[in-house]
């Protein structure tokens, strides 16, 4: 009764299409974002636990995705990202927050950029933009964000996101007793 498989049930196909993954209800009736197994597996940086949960139908919640983005160690983050990314490609991009669409390069096309609003441009969106490896995606979102914010506010928010990313790296390196990623420091 304490096994992973007994604590996860798949949402019905009707529920799955109607709401974003983090609002879907599970067997017990609680919203998915209140059930934390995947979030905790990501927080513990356990690829085996993340894989087991995903294989048994866990849906990546916004909380789990936020935890993934918080991981400053690129290698550890990359292992978990490789497991989670295929599940996100099954989700409607519009149901994901802006920062997740940028981070995972899951744009729903030009509509995505037209519907950009000031409330969706946050530190997570700026961090996602900093980490986006696809130059075309980065350029597209950066242009749209600069248009909505102005160059001055964009630069201010970008600097704040870079500072927060560095702070997170220093804390994580200390907590995990590993060397600091000097590329973030310089």
C-alpha atoms as a PDB file:
ATOM      1  CA  UNK A   1       0.000   0.000   0.000  1.00  0.00           C
ATOM      2  CA  UNK A   2       3.000   2.335   0.355  1.00  0.00           C
ATOM      3  CA  UNK A   3       4.279   1.600  -3.140  1.00  0.00           C
ATOM      4  CA  UNK A   4       4.657   4.231  -5.802  1.00  0.00           C
ATOM      5  CA  UNK A   5       2.174   2.555  -8.121  1.00  0.00           C
ATOM      6  CA  UNK A   6      -0.585   2.528  -5.514  1.00  0.00           C
ATOM      7  CA  UNK A   7      -0.267   6.274  -4.904  1.00  0.00           C
ATOM      8  CA  UNK A   8      -0.657   7.268  -8.558  1.00  0.00           C
ATOM      9  CA  UNK A   9      -3.672   6.929 -10.765  1.00  0.00           C
ATOM     10  CA  UNK A  10      -4.098   8.244 -14.276  1.00  0.00           C
ATOM     11  CA  UNK A  11      -6.663  10.962 -14.937  1.00  0.00           C
ATOM     12  CA  UNK A  12      -9.490  10.079 -17.281  1.00  0.00           C
ATOM     13  CA  UNK A  13      -9.000  11.208 -20.869  1.00  0.00           C
ATOM     14  CA  UNK A  14     -11.861  13.653 -20.401  1.00  0.00           C
ATOM     15  CA  UNK A  15     -10.179  15.268 -17.377  1.00  0.00           C
ATOM     16  CA  UNK A  16      -6.751  15.264 -19.008  1.00  0.00           C
ATOM     17  CA  UNK A  17      -7.829  17.406 -21.945  1.00  0.00           C
ATOM     18  CA  UNK A  18     -10.008  19.804 -20.005  1.00  0.00           C
ATOM     19  CA  UNK A  19      -7.519  21.303 -17.542  1.00  0.00           C
ATOM     20  CA  UNK A  20      -3.805  22.048 -17.298  1.00  0.00           C
ATOM     21  CA  UNK A  21      -1.829  19.127 -15.846  1.00  0.00           C
ATOM     22  CA  UNK A  22      -1.400  20.789 -12.443  1.00  0.00           C
ATOM     23  CA  UNK A  23      -5.165  21.282 -12.069  1.00  0.00           C
ATOM     24  CA  UNK A  24      -6.187  17.739 -12.977  1.00  0.00           C
ATOM     25  CA  UNK A  25      -7.823  15.681 -10.266  1.00  0.00           C
ATOM     26  CA  UNK A  26      -6.493  12.321  -9.180  1.00  0.00           C
ATOM     27  CA  UNK A  27      -8.226   9.257  -7.749  1.00  0.00           C
ATOM     28  CA  UNK A  28      -8.440  10.790  -4.258  1.00  0.00           C
ATOM     29  CA  UNK A  29     -10.119  13.947  -5.535  1.00  0.00           C
ATOM     30  CA  UNK A  30      -7.328  16.352  -4.558  1.00  0.00           C
ATOM     31  CA  UNK A  31      -5.898  18.645  -7.240  1.00  0.00           C
ATOM     32  CA  UNK A  32      -2.685  17.237  -8.723  1.00  0.00           C
ATOM     33  CA  UNK A  33      -0.648  20.210  -7.471  1.00  0.00           C
ATOM     34  CA  UNK A  34      -1.430  19.126  -3.903  1.00  0.00           C
ATOM     35  CA  UNK A  35      -0.003  15.653  -4.527  1.00  0.00           C
ATOM     36  CA  UNK A  36       3.720  16.020  -4.262  1.00  0.00           C
ATOM     37  CA  UNK A  37       5.480  12.775  -5.232  1.00  0.00           C
ATOM     38  CA  UNK A  38       6.882  14.017  -8.557  1.00  0.00           C
ATOM     39  CA  UNK A  39       7.771  17.392  -7.072  1.00  0.00           C
ATOM     40  CA  UNK A  40       9.616  15.665  -4.237  1.00  0.00           C
ATOM     41  CA  UNK A  41      11.401  13.302  -6.629  1.00  0.00           C
ATOM     42  CA  UNK A  42      12.598  16.299  -8.656  1.00  0.00           C
ATOM     43  CA  UNK A  43      13.602  18.151  -5.478  1.00  0.00           C
ATOM     44  CA  UNK A  44      15.649  15.136  -4.352  1.00  0.00           C
ATOM     45  CA  UNK A  45      17.237  15.009  -7.832  1.00  0.00           C
ATOM     46  CA  UNK A  46      16.379  11.349  -8.198  1.00  0.00           C
ATOM     47  CA  UNK A  47      16.127  10.303 -11.872  1.00  0.00           C
ATOM     48  CA  UNK A  48      15.042   6.793 -10.826  1.00  0.00           C
ATOM     49  CA  UNK A  49      12.122   8.121  -8.754  1.00  0.00           C
ATOM     50  CA  UNK A  50      11.112  10.635 -11.447  1.00  0.00           C
ATOM     51  CA  UNK A  51      11.156   7.901 -14.096  1.00  0.00           C
ATOM     52  CA  UNK A  52       9.153   5.510 -11.905  1.00  0.00           C
ATOM     53  CA  UNK A  53       6.504   8.144 -11.221  1.00  0.00           C
ATOM     54  CA  UNK A  54       6.256   9.228 -14.856  1.00  0.00           C
ATOM     55  CA  UNK A  55       6.069   5.589 -16.011  1.00  0.00           C
ATOM     56  CA  UNK A  56       3.115   5.114 -13.678  1.00  0.00           C
ATOM     57  CA  UNK A  57       1.228   8.106 -15.063  1.00  0.00           C
ATOM     58  CA  UNK A  58       2.342  11.066 -12.966  1.00  0.00           C
ATOM     59  CA  UNK A  59       1.715  14.333 -14.759  1.00  0.00           C
ATOM     60  CA  UNK A  60       4.394  17.027 -14.408  1.00  0.00           C
ATOM     61  CA  UNK A  61       2.884  19.743 -12.245  1.00  0.00           C
ATOM     62  CA  UNK A  62       3.844  23.396 -12.335  1.00  0.00           C
ATOM     63  CA  UNK A  63       5.344  22.857  -8.887  1.00  0.00           C
ATOM     64  CA  UNK A  64       7.572  20.029 -10.176  1.00  0.00           C
ATOM     65  CA  UNK A  65       8.596  22.137 -13.178  1.00  0.00           C
ATOM     66  CA  UNK A  66       9.460  25.082 -10.914  1.00  0.00           C
ATOM     67  CA  UNK A  67      11.594  22.768  -8.806  1.00  0.00           C
ATOM     68  CA  UNK A  68      13.361  21.522 -11.940  1.00  0.00           C
ATOM     69  CA  UNK A  69      14.171  25.057 -13.080  1.00  0.00           C
ATOM     70  CA  UNK A  70      15.570  25.862  -9.619  1.00  0.00           C
ATOM     71  CA  UNK A  71      18.290  23.226  -9.989  1.00  0.00           C
ATOM     72  CA  UNK A  72      21.454  25.129 -10.810  1.00  0.00           C
ATOM     73  CA  UNK A  73      23.612  22.065 -11.509  1.00  0.00           C
ATOM     74  CA  UNK A  74      23.184  21.697 -15.280  1.00  0.00           C
ATOM     75  CA  UNK A  75      24.090  17.991 -15.313  1.00  0.00           C
ATOM     76  CA  UNK A  76      21.594  17.042 -12.594  1.00  0.00           C
ATOM     77  CA  UNK A  77      18.919  19.265 -14.148  1.00  0.00           C
ATOM     78  CA  UNK A  78      19.581  17.792 -17.607  1.00  0.00           C
ATOM     79  CA  UNK A  79      19.017  14.208 -16.441  1.00  0.00           C
ATOM     80  CA  UNK A  80      15.641  15.074 -14.954  1.00  0.00           C
ATOM     81  CA  UNK A  81      14.711  17.314 -17.869  1.00  0.00           C
ATOM     82  CA  UNK A  82      15.335  14.451 -20.319  1.00  0.00           C
ATOM     83  CA  UNK A  83      12.768  12.353 -18.430  1.00  0.00           C
ATOM     84  CA  UNK A  84      10.148  15.093 -18.080  1.00  0.00           C
ATOM     85  CA  UNK A  85      10.396  16.737 -21.521  1.00  0.00           C
ATOM     86  CA  UNK A  86       8.598  13.944 -23.475  1.00  0.00           C
ATOM     87  CA  UNK A  87       5.585  14.287 -21.150  1.00  0.00           C
ATOM     88  CA  UNK A  88       5.435  18.034 -21.702  1.00  0.00           C
ATOM     89  CA  UNK A  89       5.393  17.589 -25.447  1.00  0.00           C
ATOM     90  CA  UNK A  90       2.041  15.806 -24.983  1.00  0.00           C
ATOM     91  CA  UNK A  91       0.549  18.864 -23.214  1.00  0.00           C
ATOM     92  CA  UNK A  92      -1.034  21.846 -24.990  1.00  0.00           C
ATOM     93  CA  UNK A  93       1.667  24.554 -24.848  1.00  0.00           C
ATOM     94  CA  UNK A  94      -0.953  27.183 -24.017  1.00  0.00           C
ATOM     95  CA  UNK A  95      -1.772  25.369 -20.777  1.00  0.00           C
ATOM     96  CA  UNK A  96       1.786  25.895 -19.517  1.00  0.00           C
ATOM     97  CA  UNK A  97       3.001  29.133 -17.929  1.00  0.00           C
ATOM     98  CA  UNK A  98       5.188  31.383 -20.096  1.00  0.00           C
ATOM     99  CA  UNK A  99       8.414  30.487 -18.316  1.00  0.00           C
ATOM    100  CA  UNK A 100       7.815  26.755 -18.932  1.00  0.00           C
ATOM    101  CA  UNK A 101       7.059  27.331 -22.628  1.00  0.00           C
ATOM    102  CA  UNK A 102      10.305  29.305 -22.954  1.00  0.00           C
ATOM    103  CA  UNK A 103      12.383  26.853 -20.933  1.00  0.00           C
ATOM    104  CA  UNK A 104      11.176  23.771 -22.812  1.00  0.00           C
ATOM    105  CA  UNK A 105      10.817  25.591 -26.159  1.00  0.00           C
ATOM    106  CA  UNK A 106       7.161  24.610 -26.431  1.00  0.00           C
ATOM    107  CA  UNK A 107       5.809  27.641 -28.224  1.00  0.00           C
ATOM    108  CA  UNK A 108       2.326  27.504 -29.654  1.00  0.00           C
ATOM    109  CA  UNK A 109       3.526  29.760 -32.479  1.00  0.00           C
ATOM    110  CA  UNK A 110       3.066  33.462 -33.034  1.00  0.00           C
ATOM    111  CA  UNK A 111      -0.101  33.415 -30.906  1.00  0.00           C
ATOM    112  CA  UNK A 112       2.148  32.696 -27.938  1.00  0.00           C
ATOM    113  CA  UNK A 113       3.999  35.970 -28.466  1.00  0.00           C
ATOM    114  CA  UNK A 114       0.882  38.018 -29.217  1.00  0.00           C
ATOM    115  CA  UNK A 115      -0.734  36.911 -25.964  1.00  0.00           C
ATOM    116  CA  UNK A 116       2.307  37.776 -23.891  1.00  0.00           C
ATOM    117  CA  UNK A 117       1.346  39.939 -20.943  1.00  0.00           C
ATOM    118  CA  UNK A 118       3.292  41.773 -18.275  1.00  0.00           C
ATOM    119  CA  UNK A 119       2.019  39.461 -15.541  1.00  0.00           C
ATOM    120  CA  UNK A 120       3.592  36.426 -17.190  1.00  0.00           C
ATOM    121  CA  UNK A 121       7.061  37.983 -17.462  1.00  0.00           C
ATOM    122  CA  UNK A 122       8.725  37.042 -14.190  1.00  0.00           C
ATOM    123  CA  UNK A 123      12.111  35.934 -12.847  1.00  0.00           C
ATOM    124  CA  UNK A 124      11.356  32.347 -13.892  1.00  0.00           C
ATOM    125  CA  UNK A 125      10.697  33.539 -17.454  1.00  0.00           C
ATOM    126  CA  UNK A 126      13.976  35.463 -17.477  1.00  0.00           C
ATOM    127  CA  UNK A 127      15.882  32.468 -16.065  1.00  0.00           C
ATOM    128  CA  UNK A 128      14.274  30.248 -18.701  1.00  0.00           C
ATOM    129  CA  UNK A 129      15.351  32.734 -21.358  1.00  0.00           C
ATOM    130  CA  UNK A 130      18.941  32.733 -20.002  1.00  0.00           C
ATOM    131  CA  UNK A 131      19.051  28.927 -20.148  1.00  0.00           C
ATOM    132  CA  UNK A 132      17.345  28.521 -23.523  1.00  0.00           C
ATOM    133  CA  UNK A 133      19.881  26.911 -25.862  1.00  0.00           C
ATOM    134  CA  UNK A 134      17.960  27.517 -29.083  1.00  0.00           C
ATOM    135  CA  UNK A 135      19.080  30.960 -30.301  1.00  0.00           C
ATOM    136  CA  UNK A 136      15.981  31.395 -32.496  1.00  0.00           C
ATOM    137  CA  UNK A 137      13.640  30.683 -29.587  1.00  0.00           C
ATOM    138  CA  UNK A 138      15.639  32.952 -27.273  1.00  0.00           C
ATOM    139  CA  UNK A 139      15.647  35.775 -29.837  1.00  0.00           C
ATOM    140  CA  UNK A 140      11.899  35.443 -30.509  1.00  0.00           C
ATOM    141  CA  UNK A 141      10.910  35.581 -26.831  1.00  0.00           C
ATOM    142  CA  UNK A 142      13.462  38.242 -25.940  1.00  0.00           C
ATOM    143  CA  UNK A 143      12.120  40.525 -28.681  1.00  0.00           C
ATOM    144  CA  UNK A 144       8.544  40.060 -27.511  1.00  0.00           C
ATOM    145  CA  UNK A 145       9.487  40.619 -23.871  1.00  0.00           C
ATOM    146  CA  UNK A 146      11.483  43.764 -24.682  1.00  0.00           C
ATOM    147  CA  UNK A 147       8.501  45.073 -26.643  1.00  0.00           C
ATOM    148  CA  UNK A 148       6.221  44.631 -23.618  1.00  0.00           C
ATOM    149  CA  UNK A 149       8.671  45.767 -20.940  1.00  0.00           C
ATOM    150  CA  UNK A 150      10.964  48.283 -22.688  1.00  0.00           C
ATOM    151  CA  UNK A 151      14.713  47.735 -22.911  1.00  0.00           C
ATOM    152  CA  UNK A 152      15.358  49.328 -19.516  1.00  0.00           C
ATOM    153  CA  UNK A 153      12.911  47.122 -17.613  1.00  0.00           C
ATOM    154  CA  UNK A 154      13.986  44.042 -19.558  1.00  0.00           C
ATOM    155  CA  UNK A 155      17.645  44.639 -18.593  1.00  0.00           C
ATOM    156  CA  UNK A 156      16.696  45.268 -14.961  1.00  0.00           C
ATOM    157  CA  UNK A 157      14.666  42.064 -14.756  1.00  0.00           C
ATOM    158  CA  UNK A 158      17.394  40.121 -16.587  1.00  0.00           C
ATOM    159  CA  UNK A 159      19.997  41.334 -14.078  1.00  0.00           C
ATOM    160  CA  UNK A 160      17.723  40.377 -11.183  1.00  0.00           C
ATOM    161  CA  UNK A 161      17.225  36.899 -12.667  1.00  0.00           C
ATOM    162  CA  UNK A 162      20.987  36.473 -13.149  1.00  0.00           C
ATOM    163  CA  UNK A 163      21.585  37.513  -9.530  1.00  0.00           C
ATOM    164  CA  UNK A 164      18.976  35.041  -8.293  1.00  0.00           C
ATOM    165  CA  UNK A 165      20.464  32.269 -10.437  1.00  0.00           C
ATOM    166  CA  UNK A 166      23.921  32.975  -8.985  1.00  0.00           C
ATOM    167  CA  UNK A 167      22.523  33.047  -5.445  1.00  0.00           C
ATOM    168  CA  UNK A 168      20.813  29.691  -6.058  1.00  0.00           C
ATOM    169  CA  UNK A 169      24.045  28.213  -7.450  1.00  0.00           C
ATOM    170  CA  UNK A 170      26.070  29.342  -4.442  1.00  0.00           C
ATOM    171  CA  UNK A 171      23.503  27.939  -1.997  1.00  0.00           C
ATOM    172  CA  UNK A 172      23.232  24.651  -3.890  1.00  0.00           C
ATOM    173  CA  UNK A 173      27.011  24.223  -4.192  1.00  0.00           C
ATOM    174  CA  UNK A 174      27.392  24.802  -0.467  1.00  0.00           C
ATOM    175  CA  UNK A 175      24.499  22.519   0.496  1.00  0.00           C
ATOM    176  CA  UNK A 176      25.613  19.703  -1.796  1.00  0.00           C
ATOM    177  CA  UNK A 177      29.299  20.232  -1.005  1.00  0.00           C
ATOM    178  CA  UNK A 178      30.294  20.540  -4.641  1.00  0.00           C
ATOM    179  CA  UNK A 179      32.410  23.103  -6.474  1.00  0.00           C
ATOM    180  CA  UNK A 180      30.697  26.303  -7.586  1.00  0.00           C
ATOM    181  CA  UNK A 181      29.921  26.568 -11.295  1.00  0.00           C
ATOM    182  CA  UNK A 182      32.381  29.329 -12.156  1.00  0.00           C
ATOM    183  CA  UNK A 183      30.675  30.044 -15.482  1.00  0.00           C
ATOM    184  CA  UNK A 184      27.748  31.526 -13.510  1.00  0.00           C
ATOM    185  CA  UNK A 185      30.089  33.547 -11.305  1.00  0.00           C
ATOM    186  CA  UNK A 186      32.039  35.171 -14.138  1.00  0.00           C
END
